[in-house]
All heavy atoms as atom14 arrays in JSON, in Angstrom:
{
  "sequence": "GWDGRLVAIWVLLATDALPAGLYALAAALGVLFAAESAASWRSFDA",
  "atom14_mask": [
    [1, 1, 1, 1, 0, 0, 0, 0, 0, 0, 0, 0, 0, 0],
    [1, 1, 1, 1, 1, 1, 1, 1, 1, 1, 1, 1, 1, 1],
    [1, 1, 1, 1, 1, 1, 1, 1, 0, 0, 0, 0, 0, 0],
    [1, 1, 1, 1, 0, 0, 0, 0, 0, 0, 0, 0, 0, 0],
    [1, 1, 1, 1, 1, 1, 1, 1, 1, 1, 1, 0, 0, 0],
    [1, 1, 1, 1, 1, 1, 1, 1, 0, 0, 0, 0, 0, 0],
    [1, 1, 1, 1, 1, 1, 1, 0, 0, 0, 0, 0, 0, 0],
    [1, 1, 1, 1, 1, 0, 0, 0, 0, 0, 0, 0, 0, 0],
    [1, 1, 1, 1, 1, 1, 1, 1, 0, 0, 0, 0, 0, 0],
    [1, 1, 1, 1, 1, 1, 1, 1, 1, 1, 1, 1, 1, 1],
    [1, 1, 1, 1, 1, 1, 1, 0, 0, 0, 0, 0, 0, 0],
    [1, 1, 1, 1, 1, 1, 1, 1, 0, 0, 0, 0, 0, 0],
    [1, 1, 1, 1, 1, 1, 1, 1, 0, 0, 0, 0, 0, 0],
    [1, 1, 1, 1, 1, 0, 0, 0, 0, 0, 0, 0, 0, 0],
    [1, 1, 1, 1, 1, 1, 1, 0, 0, 0, 0, 0, 0, 0],
    [1, 1, 1, 1, 1, 1, 1, 1, 0, 0, 0, 0, 0, 0],
    [1, 1, 1, 1, 1, 0, 0, 0, 0, 0, 0, 0, 0, 0],
    [1, 1, 1, 1, 1, 1, 1, 1, 0, 0, 0, 0, 0, 0],
    [1, 1, 1, 1, 1, 1, 1, 0, 0, 0, 0, 0, 0, 0],
    [1, 1, 1, 1, 1, 0, 0, 0, 0, 0, 0, 0, 0, 0],
    [1, 1, 1, 1, 0, 0, 0, 0, 0, 0, 0, 0, 0, 0],
    [1, 1, 1, 1, 1, 1, 1, 1, 0, 0, 0, 0, 0, 0],
    [1, 1, 1, 1, 1, 1, 1, 1, 1, 1, 1, 1, 0, 0],
    [1, 1, 1, 1, 1, 0, 0, 0, 0, 0, 0, 0, 0, 0],
    [1, 1, 1, 1, 1, 1, 1, 1, 0, 0, 0, 0, 0, 0],
    [1, 1, 1, 1, 1, 0, 0, 0, 0, 0, 0, 0, 0, 0],
    [1, 1, 1, 1, 1, 0, 0, 0, 0, 0, 0, 0, 0, 0],
    [1, 1, 1, 1, 1, 0, 0, 0, 0, 0, 0, 0, 0, 0],
    [1, 1, 1, 1, 1, 1, 1, 1, 0, 0, 0, 0, 0, 0],
    [1, 1, 1, 1, 0, 0, 0, 0, 0, 0, 0, 0, 0, 0],
    [1, 1, 1, 1, 1, 1, 1, 0, 0, 0, 0, 0, 0, 0],
    [1, 1, 1, 1, 1, 1, 1, 1, 0, 0, 0, 0, 0, 0],
    [1, 1, 1, 1, 1, 1, 1, 1, 1, 1, 1, 0, 0, 0],
    [1, 1, 1, 1, 1, 0, 0, 0, 0, 0, 0, 0, 0, 0],
    [1, 1, 1, 1, 1, 0, 0, 0, 0, 0, 0, 0, 0, 0],
    [1, 1, 1, 1, 1, 1, 1, 1, 1, 0, 0, 0, 0, 0],
    [1, 1, 1, 1, 1, 1, 0, 0, 0, 0, 0, 0, 0, 0],
    [1, 1, 1, 1, 1, 0, 0, 0, 0, 0, 0, 0, 0, 0],
    [1, 1, 1, 1, 1, 0, 0, 0, 0, 0, 0, 0, 0, 0],
    [1, 1, 1, 1, 1, 1, 0, 0, 0, 0, 0, 0, 0, 0],
    [1, 1, 1, 1, 1, 1, 1, 1, 1, 1, 1, 1, 1, 1],
    [1, 1, 1, 1, 1, 1, 1, 1, 1, 1, 1, 0, 0, 0],
    [1, 1, 1, 1, 1, 1, 0, 0, 0, 0, 0, 0, 0, 0],
    [1, 1, 1, 1, 1, 1, 1, 1, 1, 1, 1, 0, 0, 0],
    [1, 1, 1, 1, 1, 1, 1, 1, 0, 0, 0, 0, 0, 0],
    [1, 1, 1, 1, 1, 0, 0, 0, 0, 0, 0, 0, 0, 0]
  ],
  "atom14_positions": [
    [[26.31, -6.02, 13.28], [26.18, -7.47, 13.34], [25.49, -7.9, 14.63], [25.41, -7.12, 15.59], [0.0, 0.0, 0.0], [0.0, 0.0, 0.0], [0.0, 0.0, 0.0], [0.0, 0.0, 0.0], [0.0, 0.0, 0.0], [0.0, 0.0, 0.0], [0.0, 0.0, 0.0], [0.0, 0.0, 0.0], [0.0, 0.0, 0.0], [0.0, 0.0, 0.0]],
    [[25.0, -9.14, 14.67], [24.31, -9.61, 15.88], [25.24, -9.57, 17.09], [24.8, -9.25, 18.21], [23.77, -11.02, 15.65], [24.83, -12.05, 15.37], [25.3, -12.43, 14.15], [25.56, -12.8, 16.34], [26.29, -13.38, 14.3], [26.47, -13.64, 15.63], [25.55, -12.87, 17.73], [27.35, -14.51, 16.27], [26.43, -13.74, 18.38], [27.31, -14.55, 17.65]],
    [[26.51, -9.87, 16.88], [27.47, -9.9, 17.97], [27.74, -8.51, 18.55], [27.72, -8.31, 19.76], [28.77, -10.55, 17.51], [29.23, -10.04, 16.14], [28.4, -10.01, 15.21], [30.4, -9.66, 16.0], [0.0, 0.0, 0.0], [0.0, 0.0, 0.0], [0.0, 0.0, 0.0], [0.0, 0.0, 0.0], [0.0, 0.0, 0.0], [0.0, 0.0, 0.0]],
    [[27.96, -7.55, 17.67], [28.2, -6.19, 18.12], [27.0, -5.6, 18.83], [27.14, -4.88, 19.83], [0.0, 0.0, 0.0], [0.0, 0.0, 0.0], [0.0, 0.0, 0.0], [0.0, 0.0, 0.0], [0.0, 0.0, 0.0], [0.0, 0.0, 0.0], [0.0, 0.0, 0.0], [0.0, 0.0, 0.0], [0.0, 0.0, 0.0], [0.0, 0.0, 0.0]],
    [[25.8, -5.92, 18.34], [24.59, -5.4, 18.98], [24.43, -5.96, 20.39], [24.04, -5.24, 21.32], [23.36, -5.72, 18.12], [23.31, -4.93, 16.82], [21.99, -5.12, 16.11], [21.8, -6.46, 15.6], [22.12, -6.85, 14.36], [22.66, -5.99, 13.52], [21.87, -8.08, 13.96], [0.0, 0.0, 0.0], [0.0, 0.0, 0.0], [0.0, 0.0, 0.0]],
    [[24.72, -7.25, 20.57], [24.57, -7.84, 21.9], [25.53, -7.19, 22.9], [25.16, -6.91, 24.04], [24.82, -9.35, 21.82], [23.73, -10.17, 21.13], [24.1, -11.65, 21.12], [22.38, -9.97, 21.8], [0.0, 0.0, 0.0], [0.0, 0.0, 0.0], [0.0, 0.0, 0.0], [0.0, 0.0, 0.0], [0.0, 0.0, 0.0], [0.0, 0.0, 0.0]],
    [[26.76, -6.98, 22.48], [27.73, -6.33, 23.37], [27.28, -4.9, 23.69], [27.35, -4.44, 24.84], [29.13, -6.33, 22.74], [30.11, -5.49, 23.56], [29.65, -7.77, 22.6], [0.0, 0.0, 0.0], [0.0, 0.0, 0.0], [0.0, 0.0, 0.0], [0.0, 0.0, 0.0], [0.0, 0.0, 0.0], [0.0, 0.0, 0.0], [0.0, 0.0, 0.0]],
    [[26.8, -4.18, 22.68], [26.36, -2.8, 22.9], [25.19, -2.75, 23.87], [25.12, -1.85, 24.73], [25.97, -2.17, 21.56], [0.0, 0.0, 0.0], [0.0, 0.0, 0.0], [0.0, 0.0, 0.0], [0.0, 0.0, 0.0], [0.0, 0.0, 0.0], [0.0, 0.0, 0.0], [0.0, 0.0, 0.0], [0.0, 0.0, 0.0], [0.0, 0.0, 0.0]],
    [[24.26, -3.7, 23.76], [23.1, -3.69, 24.64], [23.51, -4.03, 26.07], [22.98, -3.47, 27.03], [22.02, -4.67, 24.12], [21.49, -4.16, 22.77], [20.88, -4.81, 25.12], [20.71, -5.19, 22.0], [0.0, 0.0, 0.0], [0.0, 0.0, 0.0], [0.0, 0.0, 0.0], [0.0, 0.0, 0.0], [0.0, 0.0, 0.0], [0.0, 0.0, 0.0]],
    [[24.47, -4.94, 26.23], [24.94, -5.22, 27.58], [25.6, -3.97, 28.19], [25.43, -3.71, 29.38], [25.93, -6.39, 27.61], [26.25, -6.76, 29.02], [25.57, -7.62, 29.83], [27.32, -6.21, 29.81], [26.14, -7.65, 31.08], [27.21, -6.79, 31.11], [28.34, -5.3, 29.57], [28.1, -6.49, 32.13], [29.22, -5.0, 30.59], [29.1, -5.59, 31.85]],
    [[26.32, -3.22, 27.4], [26.91, -1.97, 27.9], [25.81, -1.01, 28.35], [25.93, -0.36, 29.39], [27.8, -1.33, 26.82], [28.24, 0.07, 27.24], [29.03, -2.2, 26.55], [0.0, 0.0, 0.0], [0.0, 0.0, 0.0], [0.0, 0.0, 0.0], [0.0, 0.0, 0.0], [0.0, 0.0, 0.0], [0.0, 0.0, 0.0], [0.0, 0.0, 0.0]],
    [[24.72, -0.93, 27.56], [23.6, -0.09, 27.98], [23.03, -0.57, 29.3], [22.68, 0.24, 30.18], [22.51, -0.1, 26.9], [22.85, 0.57, 25.57], [21.7, 0.38, 24.58], [23.13, 2.06, 25.76], [0.0, 0.0, 0.0], [0.0, 0.0, 0.0], [0.0, 0.0, 0.0], [0.0, 0.0, 0.0], [0.0, 0.0, 0.0], [0.0, 0.0, 0.0]],
    [[22.92, -1.89, 29.46], [22.42, -2.45, 30.71], [23.36, -2.12, 31.87], [22.92, -1.7, 32.95], [22.28, -3.96, 30.56], [21.99, -4.77, 31.82], [20.63, -4.4, 32.39], [22.05, -6.27, 31.53], [0.0, 0.0, 0.0], [0.0, 0.0, 0.0], [0.0, 0.0, 0.0], [0.0, 0.0, 0.0], [0.0, 0.0, 0.0], [0.0, 0.0, 0.0]],
    [[24.66, -2.31, 31.64], [25.63, -2.1, 32.7], [25.73, -0.64, 33.14], [26.12, -0.35, 34.28], [27.01, -2.59, 32.25], [0.0, 0.0, 0.0], [0.0, 0.0, 0.0], [0.0, 0.0, 0.0], [0.0, 0.0, 0.0], [0.0, 0.0, 0.0], [0.0, 0.0, 0.0], [0.0, 0.0, 0.0], [0.0, 0.0, 0.0], [0.0, 0.0, 0.0]],
    [[25.39, 0.28, 32.25], [25.47, 1.71, 32.56], [24.11, 2.31, 32.92], [23.96, 3.53, 32.94], [26.08, 2.47, 31.38], [25.31, 2.22, 30.19], [27.52, 2.05, 31.14], [0.0, 0.0, 0.0], [0.0, 0.0, 0.0], [0.0, 0.0, 0.0], [0.0, 0.0, 0.0], [0.0, 0.0, 0.0], [0.0, 0.0, 0.0], [0.0, 0.0, 0.0]],
    [[23.13, 1.43, 33.17], [21.78, 1.87, 33.56], [21.15, 2.79, 32.51], [20.45, 3.75, 32.85], [21.81, 2.58, 34.92], [22.2, 1.62, 36.04], [21.74, 0.47, 36.04], [23.0, 2.03, 36.91], [0.0, 0.0, 0.0], [0.0, 0.0, 0.0], [0.0, 0.0, 0.0], [0.0, 0.0, 0.0], [0.0, 0.0, 0.0], [0.0, 0.0, 0.0]],
    [[21.41, 2.48, 31.24], [20.88, 3.32, 30.15], [19.63, 2.71, 29.51], [19.22, 3.14, 28.44], [21.95, 3.53, 29.09], [0.0, 0.0, 0.0], [0.0, 0.0, 0.0], [0.0, 0.0, 0.0], [0.0, 0.0, 0.0], [0.0, 0.0, 0.0], [0.0, 0.0, 0.0], [0.0, 0.0, 0.0], [0.0, 0.0, 0.0], [0.0, 0.0, 0.0]],
    [[19.04, 1.71, 30.18], [17.81, 1.12, 29.67], [16.62, 1.74, 30.42], [16.74, 2.07, 31.6], [17.82, -0.4, 29.9], [18.93, -1.19, 29.2], [18.77, -2.67, 29.5], [18.93, -0.95, 27.72], [0.0, 0.0, 0.0], [0.0, 0.0, 0.0], [0.0, 0.0, 0.0], [0.0, 0.0, 0.0], [0.0, 0.0, 0.0], [0.0, 0.0, 0.0]],
    [[15.48, 1.92, 29.75], [15.17, 1.5, 28.39], [15.47, 2.55, 27.32], [15.36, 2.28, 26.14], [13.67, 1.25, 28.46], [13.17, 2.27, 29.43], [14.26, 2.4, 30.46], [0.0, 0.0, 0.0], [0.0, 0.0, 0.0], [0.0, 0.0, 0.0], [0.0, 0.0, 0.0], [0.0, 0.0, 0.0], [0.0, 0.0, 0.0], [0.0, 0.0, 0.0]],
    [[15.86, 3.77, 27.75], [16.03, 4.86, 26.79], [17.04, 4.49, 25.7], [16.82, 4.78, 24.51], [16.47, 6.13, 27.51], [0.0, 0.0, 0.0], [0.0, 0.0, 0.0], [0.0, 0.0, 0.0], [0.0, 0.0, 0.0], [0.0, 0.0, 0.0], [0.0, 0.0, 0.0], [0.0, 0.0, 0.0], [0.0, 0.0, 0.0], [0.0, 0.0, 0.0]],
    [[18.14, 3.87, 26.1], [19.15, 3.51, 25.12], [18.64, 2.53, 24.08], [18.97, 2.64, 22.89], [0.0, 0.0, 0.0], [0.0, 0.0, 0.0], [0.0, 0.0, 0.0], [0.0, 0.0, 0.0], [0.0, 0.0, 0.0], [0.0, 0.0, 0.0], [0.0, 0.0, 0.0], [0.0, 0.0, 0.0], [0.0, 0.0, 0.0], [0.0, 0.0, 0.0]],
    [[17.81, 1.58, 24.52], [17.24, 0.61, 23.57], [16.26, 1.29, 22.62], [16.21, 0.97, 21.43], [16.55, -0.52, 24.32], [17.4, -1.73, 24.69], [16.53, -2.8, 25.35], [18.09, -2.32, 23.47], [0.0, 0.0, 0.0], [0.0, 0.0, 0.0], [0.0, 0.0, 0.0], [0.0, 0.0, 0.0], [0.0, 0.0, 0.0], [0.0, 0.0, 0.0]],
    [[15.44, 2.18, 23.15], [14.5, 2.88, 22.27], [15.26, 3.71, 21.23], [14.88, 3.75, 20.05], [13.59, 3.8, 23.08], [12.41, 3.1, 23.73], [12.23, 3.14, 25.1], [11.51, 2.39, 22.95], [11.15, 2.5, 25.7], [10.41, 1.75, 23.54], [10.25, 1.8, 24.91], [9.18, 1.16, 25.49], [0.0, 0.0, 0.0], [0.0, 0.0, 0.0]],
    [[16.33, 4.38, 21.65], [17.12, 5.17, 20.71], [17.77, 4.28, 19.66], [17.78, 4.62, 18.46], [18.18, 5.96, 21.47], [0.0, 0.0, 0.0], [0.0, 0.0, 0.0], [0.0, 0.0, 0.0], [0.0, 0.0, 0.0], [0.0, 0.0, 0.0], [0.0, 0.0, 0.0], [0.0, 0.0, 0.0], [0.0, 0.0, 0.0], [0.0, 0.0, 0.0]],
    [[18.31, 3.14, 20.09], [18.93, 2.22, 19.15], [17.89, 1.67, 18.18], [18.15, 1.56, 16.96], [19.6, 1.08, 19.91], [20.37, 0.04, 19.09], [21.52, 0.69, 18.32], [20.9, -1.07, 19.99], [0.0, 0.0, 0.0], [0.0, 0.0, 0.0], [0.0, 0.0, 0.0], [0.0, 0.0, 0.0], [0.0, 0.0, 0.0], [0.0, 0.0, 0.0]],
    [[16.72, 1.31, 18.68], [15.66, 0.78, 17.83], [15.23, 1.81, 16.79], [15.05, 1.48, 15.6], [14.47, 0.35, 18.68], [0.0, 0.0, 0.0], [0.0, 0.0, 0.0], [0.0, 0.0, 0.0], [0.0, 0.0, 0.0], [0.0, 0.0, 0.0], [0.0, 0.0, 0.0], [0.0, 0.0, 0.0], [0.0, 0.0, 0.0], [0.0, 0.0, 0.0]],
    [[15.07, 3.06, 17.22], [14.65, 4.11, 16.29], [15.71, 4.36, 15.22], [15.4, 4.47, 14.03], [14.35, 5.39, 17.06], [0.0, 0.0, 0.0], [0.0, 0.0, 0.0], [0.0, 0.0, 0.0], [0.0, 0.0, 0.0], [0.0, 0.0, 0.0], [0.0, 0.0, 0.0], [0.0, 0.0, 0.0], [0.0, 0.0, 0.0], [0.0, 0.0, 0.0]],
    [[16.97, 4.46, 15.65], [18.04, 4.74, 14.69], [18.18, 3.62, 13.67], [18.26, 3.88, 12.46], [19.36, 4.95, 15.45], [0.0, 0.0, 0.0], [0.0, 0.0, 0.0], [0.0, 0.0, 0.0], [0.0, 0.0, 0.0], [0.0, 0.0, 0.0], [0.0, 0.0, 0.0], [0.0, 0.0, 0.0], [0.0, 0.0, 0.0], [0.0, 0.0, 0.0]],
    [[18.22, 2.38, 14.14], [18.37, 1.26, 13.21], [17.13, 1.09, 12.34], [17.24, 0.79, 11.14], [18.66, -0.02, 13.98], [20.02, -0.12, 14.65], [20.16, -1.45, 15.39], [21.15, 0.03, 13.64], [0.0, 0.0, 0.0], [0.0, 0.0, 0.0], [0.0, 0.0, 0.0], [0.0, 0.0, 0.0], [0.0, 0.0, 0.0], [0.0, 0.0, 0.0]],
    [[15.95, 1.26, 12.92], [14.73, 1.12, 12.14], [14.67, 2.11, 10.99], [14.35, 1.75, 9.85], [0.0, 0.0, 0.0], [0.0, 0.0, 0.0], [0.0, 0.0, 0.0], [0.0, 0.0, 0.0], [0.0, 0.0, 0.0], [0.0, 0.0, 0.0], [0.0, 0.0, 0.0], [0.0, 0.0, 0.0], [0.0, 0.0, 0.0], [0.0, 0.0, 0.0]],
    [[14.96, 3.38, 11.28], [14.96, 4.4, 10.23], [16.02, 4.1, 9.18], [15.78, 4.2, 7.97], [15.17, 5.8, 10.85], [15.42, 6.84, 9.76], [13.95, 6.19, 11.68], [0.0, 0.0, 0.0], [0.0, 0.0, 0.0], [0.0, 0.0, 0.0], [0.0, 0.0, 0.0], [0.0, 0.0, 0.0], [0.0, 0.0, 0.0], [0.0, 0.0, 0.0]],
    [[17.21, 3.71, 9.63], [18.3, 3.42, 8.71], [17.97, 2.25, 7.79], [18.12, 2.34, 6.56], [19.57, 3.11, 9.5], [20.83, 2.77, 8.69], [21.28, 3.99, 7.88], [21.94, 2.29, 9.61], [0.0, 0.0, 0.0], [0.0, 0.0, 0.0], [0.0, 0.0, 0.0], [0.0, 0.0, 0.0], [0.0, 0.0, 0.0], [0.0, 0.0, 0.0]],
    [[17.49, 1.14, 8.36], [17.17, -0.03, 7.55], [16.05, 0.27, 6.56], [16.13, -0.1, 5.38], [16.75, -1.2, 8.46], [17.83, -1.73, 9.35], [17.52, -2.31, 10.56], [19.16, -1.65, 8.99], [18.51, -2.82, 11.39], [20.17, -2.13, 9.81], [19.83, -2.72, 11.02], [0.0, 0.0, 0.0], [0.0, 0.0, 0.0], [0.0, 0.0, 0.0]],
    [[15.0, 0.91, 7.04], [13.86, 1.17, 6.17], [14.22, 2.16, 5.06], [13.83, 1.97, 3.9], [12.69, 1.71, 6.99], [0.0, 0.0, 0.0], [0.0, 0.0, 0.0], [0.0, 0.0, 0.0], [0.0, 0.0, 0.0], [0.0, 0.0, 0.0], [0.0, 0.0, 0.0], [0.0, 0.0, 0.0], [0.0, 0.0, 0.0], [0.0, 0.0, 0.0]],
    [[14.97, 3.21, 5.39], [15.32, 4.22, 4.39], [16.23, 3.63, 3.31], [16.02, 3.87, 2.11], [15.99, 5.41, 5.06], [0.0, 0.0, 0.0], [0.0, 0.0, 0.0], [0.0, 0.0, 0.0], [0.0, 0.0, 0.0], [0.0, 0.0, 0.0], [0.0, 0.0, 0.0], [0.0, 0.0, 0.0], [0.0, 0.0, 0.0], [0.0, 0.0, 0.0]],
    [[17.24, 2.86, 3.74], [18.15, 2.28, 2.75], [17.43, 1.27, 1.87], [17.64, 1.24, 0.65], [19.33, 1.62, 3.45], [20.47, 1.21, 2.54], [20.2, -0.04, 1.73], [19.5, -0.94, 2.24], [20.67, -0.13, 0.57], [0.0, 0.0, 0.0], [0.0, 0.0, 0.0], [0.0, 0.0, 0.0], [0.0, 0.0, 0.0], [0.0, 0.0, 0.0]],
    [[16.56, 0.46, 2.45], [15.82, -0.53, 1.67], [14.88, 0.15, 0.68], [14.81, -0.24, -0.49], [15.03, -1.44, 2.61], [14.32, -2.42, 1.88], [0.0, 0.0, 0.0], [0.0, 0.0, 0.0], [0.0, 0.0, 0.0], [0.0, 0.0, 0.0], [0.0, 0.0, 0.0], [0.0, 0.0, 0.0], [0.0, 0.0, 0.0], [0.0, 0.0, 0.0]],
    [[14.18, 1.19, 1.13], [13.26, 1.89, 0.24], [14.01, 2.55, -0.92], [13.58, 2.48, -2.08], [12.48, 2.94, 1.02], [0.0, 0.0, 0.0], [0.0, 0.0, 0.0], [0.0, 0.0, 0.0], [0.0, 0.0, 0.0], [0.0, 0.0, 0.0], [0.0, 0.0, 0.0], [0.0, 0.0, 0.0], [0.0, 0.0, 0.0], [0.0, 0.0, 0.0]],
    [[15.16, 3.16, -0.62], [15.94, 3.79, -1.68], [16.46, 2.75, -2.66], [16.48, 2.98, -3.88], [17.11, 4.56, -1.05], [0.0, 0.0, 0.0], [0.0, 0.0, 0.0], [0.0, 0.0, 0.0], [0.0, 0.0, 0.0], [0.0, 0.0, 0.0], [0.0, 0.0, 0.0], [0.0, 0.0, 0.0], [0.0, 0.0, 0.0], [0.0, 0.0, 0.0]],
    [[16.86, 1.6, -2.14], [17.38, 0.55, -3.01], [16.3, 0.01, -3.94], [16.53, -0.19, -5.13], [17.96, -0.58, -2.15], [18.4, -1.64, -2.96], [0.0, 0.0, 0.0], [0.0, 0.0, 0.0], [0.0, 0.0, 0.0], [0.0, 0.0, 0.0], [0.0, 0.0, 0.0], [0.0, 0.0, 0.0], [0.0, 0.0, 0.0], [0.0, 0.0, 0.0]],
    [[15.12, -0.23, -3.39], [14.04, -0.75, -4.24], [13.56, 0.29, -5.25], [13.18, -0.06, -6.37], [12.88, -1.22, -3.37], [13.13, -2.59, -2.78], [13.65, -2.86, -1.55], [12.9, -3.85, -3.41], [13.76, -4.21, -1.37], [13.3, -4.85, -2.49], [12.39, -4.23, -4.64], [13.21, -6.2, -2.77], [12.29, -5.6, -4.92], [12.7, -6.56, -4.0]],
    [[13.58, 1.56, -4.88], [13.16, 2.61, -5.83], [14.12, 2.69, -7.02], [13.7, 3.01, -8.14], [13.09, 3.96, -5.11], [11.85, 4.14, -4.27], [11.87, 5.49, -3.53], [11.93, 6.6, -4.48], [10.86, 7.17, -5.02], [9.66, 6.71, -4.72], [11.0, 8.18, -5.84], [0.0, 0.0, 0.0], [0.0, 0.0, 0.0], [0.0, 0.0, 0.0]],
    [[15.38, 2.43, -6.76], [16.37, 2.53, -7.83], [16.5, 1.24, -8.63], [17.25, 1.18, -9.61], [17.74, 2.9, -7.23], [18.22, 1.85, -6.41], [0.0, 0.0, 0.0], [0.0, 0.0, 0.0], [0.0, 0.0, 0.0], [0.0, 0.0, 0.0], [0.0, 0.0, 0.0], [0.0, 0.0, 0.0], [0.0, 0.0, 0.0], [0.0, 0.0, 0.0]],
    [[15.78, 0.23, -8.22], [15.87, -1.06, -8.9], [15.31, -0.95, -10.32], [14.19, -0.48, -10.52], [15.1, -2.11, -8.09], [15.12, -3.48, -8.71], [16.31, -4.13, -8.96], [13.94, -4.12, -9.02], [16.33, -5.4, -9.5], [13.94, -5.39, -9.57], [15.14, -6.03, -9.81], [0.0, 0.0, 0.0], [0.0, 0.0, 0.0], [0.0, 0.0, 0.0]],
    [[16.09, -1.39, -11.26], [15.67, -1.35, -12.66], [14.63, -2.42, -12.93], [14.89, -3.61, -12.72], [16.89, -1.58, -13.56], [16.56, -1.47, -15.04], [15.38, -1.25, -15.39], [17.5, -1.6, -15.85], [0.0, 0.0, 0.0], [0.0, 0.0, 0.0], [0.0, 0.0, 0.0], [0.0, 0.0, 0.0], [0.0, 0.0, 0.0], [0.0, 0.0, 0.0]],
    [[13.47, -2.02, -13.4], [12.39, -2.99, -13.63], [12.75, -4.01, -14.69], [12.15, -5.07, -14.78], [11.11, -2.26, -14.03], [0.0, 0.0, 0.0], [0.0, 0.0, 0.0], [0.0, 0.0, 0.0], [0.0, 0.0, 0.0], [0.0, 0.0, 0.0], [0.0, 0.0, 0.0], [0.0, 0.0, 0.0], [0.0, 0.0, 0.0], [0.0, 0.0, 0.0]]
  ]
}
């Protein structure tokens, strides 16, 4: 959720894990969102 992501990013900031932590989060979420969406649309009954 937007709220959980904001808290997680502040934790990355507070622990000096930027920018690597943000790049990792972006890659993980991007792959997850795109893969699930593609699988869902492929299984959609025409």
